[in-house]
Amino acid sequence: MKKTLLSILACPCCQGQIELKPKETIENGEVISGTLQCLNCWTEFSIYQGVPCMLPREQQIKSSKGFTEQWKYRFSGEFETNYLYGLNPTRRIENATAKFVDPIQADEWILDAGCGSAEMTFAAANNYPQAQIVGLELSEAIRLAAKEAGSFPNLHFVQGDVMNPPFKQLTFSKVYSMGVLHHTSNTKAAFDSISSLVLQYGNLVIWLYPDPIECPANIPYYGIRDIVFLGMGHKVPPELCLWLVKFYTGIFLPFIIISQWLGKEFYHFSQKTDFLIFDKESLSEIYEATAFINNLTLLEMFNAISFWIFDDVTPEFQFRHKRQEVINWFKENRFDEAHADTIGTYWGKRWH
């Protein structure tokens, strides 16, 4: 942990000021171990392996589960290695930050809310060395990701909960959260929590699972969770779930390849004619979001889809939301400028 992080940390229990107690262990300018204390309620938080654990004591046991197995499997090579959900992490962060209404400026604090294995967080720190990048993650996997953070002077990691983030309000000029909030017990409450961190004239970008009526292309994916695993994948032992996921990936892969080819042909056909089931803008968004599959080898495609399915079936919660519902959340949180596409991406700017 870099000491500059102290300027934005706040107690998740009472929003009190955080202080680093003496006798910390420092290596190469990073605080490797030590204790943080709230100056208001006197709650203590430990720094372990260079990452502050900003969770109330009762949450720490629960956090040891979460998505930890998913990320451990990624780090051990069970899923894709050079890609994240089939895309290069640099490409993914470029896609996310392209939605920011304003360009990234020097000395801005930017939050990756729910960073997972943190490939996008590292890519952001590399792409925008002029900004301070913070990765927030609930699970213990944050420590696996943070081992290389010391080589980036502008990169910080914090173990914490997006439902109760351990930061001062109105701190970040830009926040992004890609595919995280819908896995909490209450998507709206999680949205309210992270949006409170965005300062005036700040930007927020999120990705949520779209409602199947508004994005029918996701129906087969949802069906694996809802029908095949009966929504109970989080109760299956991780090792068994891993092999079940790989088994189903092997079964579905030929159909996915065929569907992707048919989708590509239909997209090109629709661009030349007026025959449409979906409007052209929606069809283009779906095509562009899935076109990267065509660039993957068969093994890369298998590993990417295995990761997608594991990510689909293992979380305890998975909510899907309509566009207007989420747009209303932005407006309620003073983001007067809010936008959405048809595949679940939302972005906005807070004006007051």
Protein backbone atom coordinates (compact mmCIF):
# COMPACT_ATOMS: atom_id res chain seq x y z
CA MET A 1 0.00 0.00 0.00
CA LYS A 2 1.25 3.44 -0.90
CA LYS A 3 0.83 6.07 1.81
CA THR A 4 -0.79 8.44 -0.69
CA LEU A 5 -3.85 6.16 -0.52
CA LEU A 6 -4.53 7.44 3.00
CA SER A 7 -5.77 10.73 1.55
CA ILE A 8 -8.88 9.07 0.09
CA LEU A 9 -9.58 6.21 2.52
CA ALA A 10 -12.51 6.44 4.96
CA CYS A 11 -13.88 4.04 7.53
CA PRO A 12 -16.55 1.79 5.97
CA CYS A 13 -18.33 1.68 9.33
CA CYS A 14 -18.68 5.42 10.03
CA GLN A 15 -16.87 7.35 7.25
CA GLY A 16 -14.30 8.49 9.81
CA GLN A 17 -10.75 9.53 8.95
CA ILE A 18 -8.20 6.71 8.62
CA GLU A 19 -4.71 6.84 10.16
CA LEU A 20 -1.75 4.49 9.75
CA LYS A 21 -0.52 3.31 13.13
CA PRO A 22 3.25 3.19 13.81
CA LYS A 23 5.40 0.07 13.38
CA GLU A 24 4.38 -0.65 9.81
CA THR A 25 6.63 -2.75 7.55
CA ILE A 26 7.80 -0.94 4.41
CA GLU A 27 9.53 -2.46 1.39
CA ASN A 28 10.49 -0.42 -1.69
CA GLY A 29 8.20 2.39 -0.60
CA GLU A 30 5.17 0.11 -0.14
CA VAL A 31 3.52 -0.60 3.22
CA ILE A 32 3.55 -4.41 3.27
CA SER A 33 2.01 -4.91 6.69
CA GLY A 34 0.61 -2.74 9.43
CA THR A 35 -2.60 -1.45 10.94
CA LEU A 36 -5.01 1.29 9.94
CA GLN A 37 -7.33 2.83 12.51
CA CYS A 38 -10.46 4.95 12.28
CA LEU A 39 -10.07 8.13 14.34
CA ASN A 40 -13.83 8.27 14.93
CA CYS A 41 -15.01 4.76 15.92
CA TRP A 42 -11.49 3.36 16.54
CA THR A 43 -12.08 0.29 14.36
CA GLU A 44 -8.79 -1.24 13.19
CA PHE A 45 -8.07 -2.62 9.73
CA SER A 46 -5.03 -4.72 8.87
CA ILE A 47 -2.68 -4.32 5.94
CA TYR A 48 -1.71 -7.78 4.73
CA GLN A 49 0.57 -8.55 1.76
CA GLY A 50 0.49 -4.87 0.85
CA VAL A 51 -3.31 -4.61 0.64
CA PRO A 52 -5.45 -2.91 3.31
CA CYS A 53 -8.45 -5.01 4.30
CA MET A 54 -11.13 -2.35 4.75
CA LEU A 55 -13.90 -4.71 5.79
CA PRO A 56 -15.78 -4.90 9.10
CA ARG A 57 -14.74 -7.97 11.05
CA GLU A 58 -17.99 -9.86 10.38
CA GLN A 59 -17.50 -9.44 6.63
CA GLN A 60 -13.97 -10.73 6.47
CA ILE A 61 -14.96 -14.41 6.73
CA LYS A 62 -17.54 -14.03 3.96
CA SER A 63 -15.03 -12.24 1.75
CA SER A 64 -12.76 -15.28 1.76
CA LYS A 65 -15.31 -16.91 -0.56
CA GLY A 66 -16.85 -14.59 -3.12
CA PHE A 67 -15.17 -14.88 -6.50
CA THR A 68 -11.86 -16.10 -5.08
CA GLU A 69 -12.02 -19.57 -6.69
CA GLN A 70 -12.83 -18.08 -10.07
CA TRP A 71 -9.78 -15.83 -9.99
CA LYS A 72 -7.54 -18.54 -8.53
CA TYR A 73 -8.47 -20.79 -11.44
CA ARG A 74 -7.60 -17.96 -13.83
CA PHE A 75 -4.21 -17.39 -12.23
CA SER A 76 -3.48 -21.14 -12.34
CA GLY A 77 -4.21 -21.33 -16.08
CA GLU A 78 -7.53 -23.19 -15.98
CA PHE A 79 -9.21 -20.50 -18.08
CA GLU A 80 -7.97 -17.93 -20.57
CA THR A 81 -4.61 -16.38 -19.73
CA ASN A 82 -3.84 -13.60 -22.21
CA TYR A 83 -7.46 -12.53 -22.50
CA LEU A 84 -10.26 -11.44 -20.21
CA TYR A 85 -13.71 -12.54 -21.39
CA GLY A 86 -12.11 -13.12 -24.78
CA LEU A 87 -10.59 -9.65 -25.12
CA ASN A 88 -7.14 -8.29 -24.45
CA PRO A 89 -7.38 -6.37 -21.11
CA THR A 90 -5.91 -3.27 -22.75
CA ARG A 91 -8.70 -3.37 -25.33
CA ARG A 92 -11.27 -3.82 -22.58
CA ILE A 93 -10.04 -0.81 -20.61
CA GLU A 94 -9.94 1.25 -23.79
CA ASN A 95 -13.56 0.31 -24.46
CA ALA A 96 -14.56 1.27 -20.91
CA THR A 97 -12.67 4.55 -20.69
CA ALA A 98 -13.89 5.56 -24.15
CA LYS A 99 -17.31 5.97 -22.51
CA PHE A 100 -16.02 8.64 -20.11
CA VAL A 101 -17.59 11.92 -21.15
CA ASP A 102 -14.36 13.80 -20.32
CA PRO A 103 -10.74 12.87 -21.06
CA ILE A 104 -8.55 11.56 -18.26
CA GLN A 105 -6.47 14.34 -16.70
CA ALA A 106 -3.28 14.38 -14.63
CA ASP A 107 -3.56 13.59 -10.90
CA GLU A 108 -7.17 12.37 -11.17
CA TRP A 109 -8.23 9.51 -8.93
CA ILE A 110 -9.96 6.75 -10.91
CA LEU A 111 -11.72 3.77 -9.32
CA ASP A 112 -12.13 0.26 -10.73
CA ALA A 113 -15.04 -0.86 -8.54
CA GLY A 114 -14.91 -4.65 -8.35
CA CYS A 115 -11.61 -5.25 -10.12
CA GLY A 116 -11.53 -9.08 -9.87
CA SER A 117 -8.21 -10.37 -11.17
CA ALA A 118 -7.28 -6.74 -11.94
CA GLU A 119 -6.07 -7.11 -15.53
CA MET A 120 -8.11 -4.05 -16.47
CA THR A 121 -6.77 -2.17 -13.44
CA PHE A 122 -3.18 -2.83 -14.47
CA ALA A 123 -4.01 -1.86 -18.06
CA ALA A 124 -5.54 1.41 -16.83
CA ALA A 125 -2.44 2.19 -14.73
CA ASN A 126 -0.24 1.49 -17.74
CA ASN A 127 -2.38 3.47 -20.21
CA TYR A 128 -2.89 6.48 -17.95
CA PRO A 129 0.31 7.00 -15.92
CA GLN A 130 -0.74 10.58 -15.22
CA ALA A 131 -3.72 9.39 -13.11
CA GLN A 132 -4.01 7.48 -9.81
CA ILE A 133 -5.78 4.13 -10.38
CA VAL A 134 -7.46 2.28 -7.50
CA GLY A 135 -8.71 -1.30 -7.69
CA LEU A 136 -11.41 -2.27 -5.17
CA GLU A 137 -12.28 -5.95 -4.71
CA LEU A 138 -14.18 -7.89 -2.06
CA SER A 139 -12.53 -11.29 -2.40
CA GLU A 140 -9.11 -12.46 -1.21
CA ALA A 141 -8.08 -12.68 -4.87
CA ILE A 142 -7.09 -9.02 -4.59
CA ARG A 143 -3.82 -10.11 -2.99
CA LEU A 144 -2.98 -12.38 -5.89
CA ALA A 145 -3.50 -9.45 -8.23
CA ALA A 146 -1.64 -6.91 -6.10
CA LYS A 147 1.71 -8.69 -6.01
CA GLU A 148 2.95 -6.67 -8.99
CA ALA A 149 1.43 -3.33 -7.93
CA GLY A 150 4.72 -2.04 -6.57
CA SER A 151 6.11 -1.61 -10.08
CA PHE A 152 3.38 0.94 -10.87
CA PRO A 153 3.77 4.24 -8.98
CA ASN A 154 0.14 5.17 -9.76
CA LEU A 155 -1.57 1.88 -8.84
CA HIS A 156 -3.38 1.07 -5.57
CA PHE A 157 -5.43 -1.89 -4.33
CA VAL A 158 -7.96 -2.04 -1.52
CA GLN A 159 -9.99 -4.98 -0.24
CA GLY A 160 -13.49 -3.66 0.34
CA ASP A 161 -17.14 -3.91 -0.54
CA VAL A 162 -18.84 -1.94 -3.34
CA MET A 163 -21.96 -1.92 -1.16
CA ASN A 164 -20.04 0.01 1.49
CA PRO A 165 -16.88 1.36 -0.16
CA PRO A 166 -14.06 2.50 2.17
CA PHE A 167 -13.48 5.86 0.51
CA LYS A 168 -14.41 9.45 1.18
CA GLN A 169 -17.47 10.55 -0.73
CA LEU A 170 -17.00 12.77 -3.78
CA THR A 171 -13.41 11.55 -4.16
CA PHE A 172 -13.07 10.12 -7.67
CA SER A 173 -13.30 12.09 -10.88
CA LYS A 174 -13.99 8.85 -12.75
CA VAL A 175 -15.39 5.47 -11.69
CA TYR A 176 -15.99 2.35 -13.77
CA SER A 177 -17.53 -0.94 -12.69
CA MET A 178 -17.81 -3.59 -15.36
CA GLY A 179 -20.03 -6.59 -14.63
CA VAL A 180 -19.98 -6.30 -10.84
CA LEU A 181 -22.98 -4.50 -9.35
CA HIS A 182 -25.54 -7.06 -10.55
CA HIS A 183 -23.72 -9.71 -8.48
CA THR A 184 -24.47 -7.93 -5.19
CA SER A 185 -27.59 -8.55 -3.12
CA ASN A 186 -29.07 -5.25 -4.33
CA THR A 187 -27.87 -3.71 -7.59
CA LYS A 188 -29.53 -0.36 -6.95
CA ALA A 189 -27.95 -0.05 -3.47
CA ALA A 190 -24.53 -0.91 -4.90
CA PHE A 191 -25.02 1.67 -7.65
CA ASP A 192 -25.96 4.33 -5.10
CA SER A 193 -22.85 3.51 -3.07
CA ILE A 194 -20.32 3.83 -5.86
CA SER A 195 -22.06 6.82 -7.44
CA SER A 196 -21.66 8.69 -4.14
CA LEU A 197 -17.89 8.52 -4.70
CA VAL A 198 -18.06 10.50 -7.95
CA LEU A 199 -17.31 14.17 -7.51
CA GLN A 200 -19.12 17.03 -9.25
CA TYR A 201 -18.54 16.95 -13.03
CA GLY A 202 -17.22 13.42 -12.60
CA ASN A 203 -17.89 10.45 -14.88
CA LEU A 204 -19.36 7.01 -14.18
CA VAL A 205 -19.35 3.96 -16.48
CA ILE A 206 -20.92 0.61 -15.57
CA TRP A 207 -21.84 -2.62 -17.31
CA LEU A 208 -24.81 -4.69 -16.12
CA TYR A 209 -26.50 -7.80 -17.44
CA PRO A 210 -29.26 -6.52 -19.74
CA ASP A 211 -32.85 -7.65 -19.44
CA PRO A 212 -33.37 -10.64 -21.79
CA ILE A 213 -36.34 -8.96 -23.43
CA GLU A 214 -34.14 -6.04 -24.43
CA CYS A 215 -31.17 -8.24 -25.36
CA PRO A 216 -32.45 -11.65 -26.55
CA ALA A 217 -28.91 -12.67 -27.55
CA ASN A 218 -28.20 -13.30 -23.84
CA ILE A 219 -31.08 -15.75 -23.34
CA PRO A 220 -29.00 -18.93 -23.99
CA TYR A 221 -26.34 -17.67 -21.58
CA TYR A 222 -28.91 -16.97 -18.86
CA GLY A 223 -30.46 -20.37 -19.54
CA ILE A 224 -27.29 -22.19 -18.49
CA ARG A 225 -27.53 -20.60 -15.06
CA ASP A 226 -31.32 -20.69 -14.69
CA ILE A 227 -32.17 -24.05 -16.27
CA VAL A 228 -29.05 -26.24 -16.37
CA PHE A 229 -27.72 -25.20 -12.93
CA LEU A 230 -31.12 -24.16 -11.52
CA GLY A 231 -29.55 -20.98 -10.16
CA MET A 232 -27.69 -23.08 -7.58
CA GLY A 233 -24.18 -23.07 -9.04
CA HIS A 234 -22.83 -21.20 -6.02
CA LYS A 235 -23.65 -24.23 -3.85
CA VAL A 236 -21.74 -26.70 -6.03
CA PRO A 237 -18.17 -27.47 -4.85
CA PRO A 238 -15.82 -25.30 -6.96
CA GLU A 239 -13.80 -28.22 -8.38
CA LEU A 240 -16.95 -30.05 -9.46
CA CYS A 241 -18.40 -26.85 -10.88
CA LEU A 242 -15.22 -26.29 -12.87
CA TRP A 243 -15.45 -29.68 -14.55
CA LEU A 244 -19.19 -29.35 -15.15
CA VAL A 245 -18.57 -25.99 -16.80
CA LYS A 246 -15.88 -27.45 -19.05
CA PHE A 247 -18.18 -30.35 -19.93
CA TYR A 248 -21.00 -28.02 -20.94
CA THR A 249 -18.57 -25.78 -22.81
CA GLY A 250 -17.52 -28.77 -24.90
CA ILE A 251 -21.16 -29.50 -25.68
CA PHE A 252 -22.13 -25.92 -26.50
CA LEU A 253 -18.98 -24.86 -28.35
CA PRO A 254 -20.03 -26.20 -31.79
CA PHE A 255 -23.40 -24.45 -31.47
CA ILE A 256 -21.68 -21.22 -30.43
CA ILE A 257 -19.38 -21.37 -33.45
CA ILE A 258 -22.31 -21.99 -35.78
CA SER A 259 -24.40 -19.27 -34.11
CA GLN A 260 -21.53 -16.80 -34.39
CA TRP A 261 -21.10 -17.57 -38.09
CA LEU A 262 -24.83 -17.25 -38.75
CA GLY A 263 -24.94 -14.02 -36.74
CA LYS A 264 -22.09 -12.57 -38.78
CA GLU A 265 -23.75 -13.50 -42.07
CA PHE A 266 -27.11 -12.11 -40.91
CA TYR A 267 -25.44 -8.88 -39.79
CA HIS A 268 -23.79 -8.33 -43.18
CA PHE A 269 -27.02 -9.25 -44.96
CA SER A 270 -29.02 -6.80 -42.83
CA GLN A 271 -26.63 -3.97 -43.67
CA LYS A 272 -27.43 -4.39 -47.34
CA THR A 273 -31.21 -4.74 -47.04
CA ASP A 274 -34.14 -3.36 -45.09
CA PHE A 275 -35.00 -6.78 -43.69
CA LEU A 276 -34.60 -6.41 -39.93
CA ILE A 277 -35.74 -8.14 -36.79
CA PHE A 278 -33.73 -5.72 -34.65
CA ASP A 279 -33.02 -2.10 -35.47
CA LYS A 280 -29.65 -1.59 -37.17
CA GLU A 281 -28.07 0.23 -34.24
CA SER A 282 -28.87 -2.59 -31.78
CA LEU A 283 -27.73 -5.23 -34.24
CA SER A 284 -24.44 -3.38 -34.79
CA GLU A 285 -23.80 -3.13 -31.04
CA ILE A 286 -24.35 -6.87 -30.57
CA TYR A 287 -22.17 -7.72 -33.57
CA GLU A 288 -19.33 -5.43 -32.48
CA ALA A 289 -19.48 -6.80 -28.91
CA THR A 290 -19.10 -10.42 -30.09
CA ALA A 291 -16.95 -10.02 -33.22
CA PHE A 292 -13.73 -10.65 -31.26
CA ILE A 293 -14.68 -14.35 -31.04
CA ASN A 294 -13.76 -14.68 -34.71
CA ASN A 295 -10.15 -13.80 -33.84
CA LEU A 296 -9.71 -16.53 -31.22
CA THR A 297 -8.24 -19.96 -31.81
CA LEU A 298 -10.41 -22.95 -30.94
CA LEU A 299 -8.56 -23.47 -27.62
CA GLU A 300 -8.77 -19.76 -26.77
CA MET A 301 -12.47 -19.82 -27.54
CA PHE A 302 -12.97 -22.89 -25.32
CA ASN A 303 -11.11 -21.27 -22.41
CA ALA A 304 -12.91 -17.95 -22.82
CA ILE A 305 -16.36 -19.55 -22.94
CA SER A 306 -15.49 -21.76 -19.95
CA PHE A 307 -14.62 -18.63 -18.00
CA TRP A 308 -17.85 -16.91 -19.09
CA ILE A 309 -19.97 -19.86 -18.00
CA PHE A 310 -18.14 -20.22 -14.67
CA ASP A 311 -18.70 -16.50 -14.13
CA ASP A 312 -22.35 -16.99 -15.07
CA VAL A 313 -23.25 -19.89 -12.78
CA THR A 314 -21.13 -19.49 -9.63
CA PRO A 315 -22.15 -16.08 -8.18
CA GLU A 316 -24.91 -16.24 -5.59
CA PHE A 317 -26.67 -13.23 -7.15
CA GLN A 318 -27.24 -12.31 -10.77
CA PHE A 319 -29.76 -9.61 -11.60
CA ARG A 320 -30.73 -8.31 -15.04
CA HIS A 321 -32.01 -4.80 -15.58
CA LYS A 322 -33.92 -2.77 -18.13
CA ARG A 323 -32.27 0.28 -19.70
CA GLN A 324 -34.78 2.84 -18.47
CA GLU A 325 -34.55 1.48 -14.93
CA VAL A 326 -30.79 2.05 -14.82
CA ILE A 327 -31.01 5.42 -16.57
CA ASN A 328 -33.37 6.48 -13.79
CA TRP A 329 -30.75 5.47 -11.21
CA PHE A 330 -28.28 7.82 -12.87
CA LYS A 331 -30.76 10.68 -12.80
CA GLU A 332 -31.68 10.04 -9.16
CA ASN A 333 -27.98 10.31 -8.29
CA ARG A 334 -27.61 13.67 -10.05
CA PHE A 335 -26.12 12.39 -13.30
CA ASP A 336 -28.09 14.66 -15.57
CA GLU A 337 -26.26 13.34 -18.62
CA ALA A 338 -26.79 9.56 -18.93
CA HIS A 339 -26.58 7.18 -21.87
CA ALA A 340 -27.01 3.47 -22.57
CA ASP A 341 -26.47 0.98 -25.36
CA THR A 342 -28.38 -2.24 -25.98
CA ILE A 343 -25.79 -4.61 -24.50
CA GLY A 344 -25.72 -3.33 -20.92
CA THR A 345 -23.23 -0.44 -20.91
CA TYR A 346 -24.25 2.80 -19.15
CA TRP A 347 -22.35 6.04 -18.74
CA GLY A 348 -23.01 9.48 -17.42
CA LYS A 349 -21.66 12.75 -16.05
CA ARG A 350 -22.60 14.35 -12.76
CA TRP A 351 -23.32 18.04 -13.25
CA HIS A 352 -24.31 19.08 -9.72
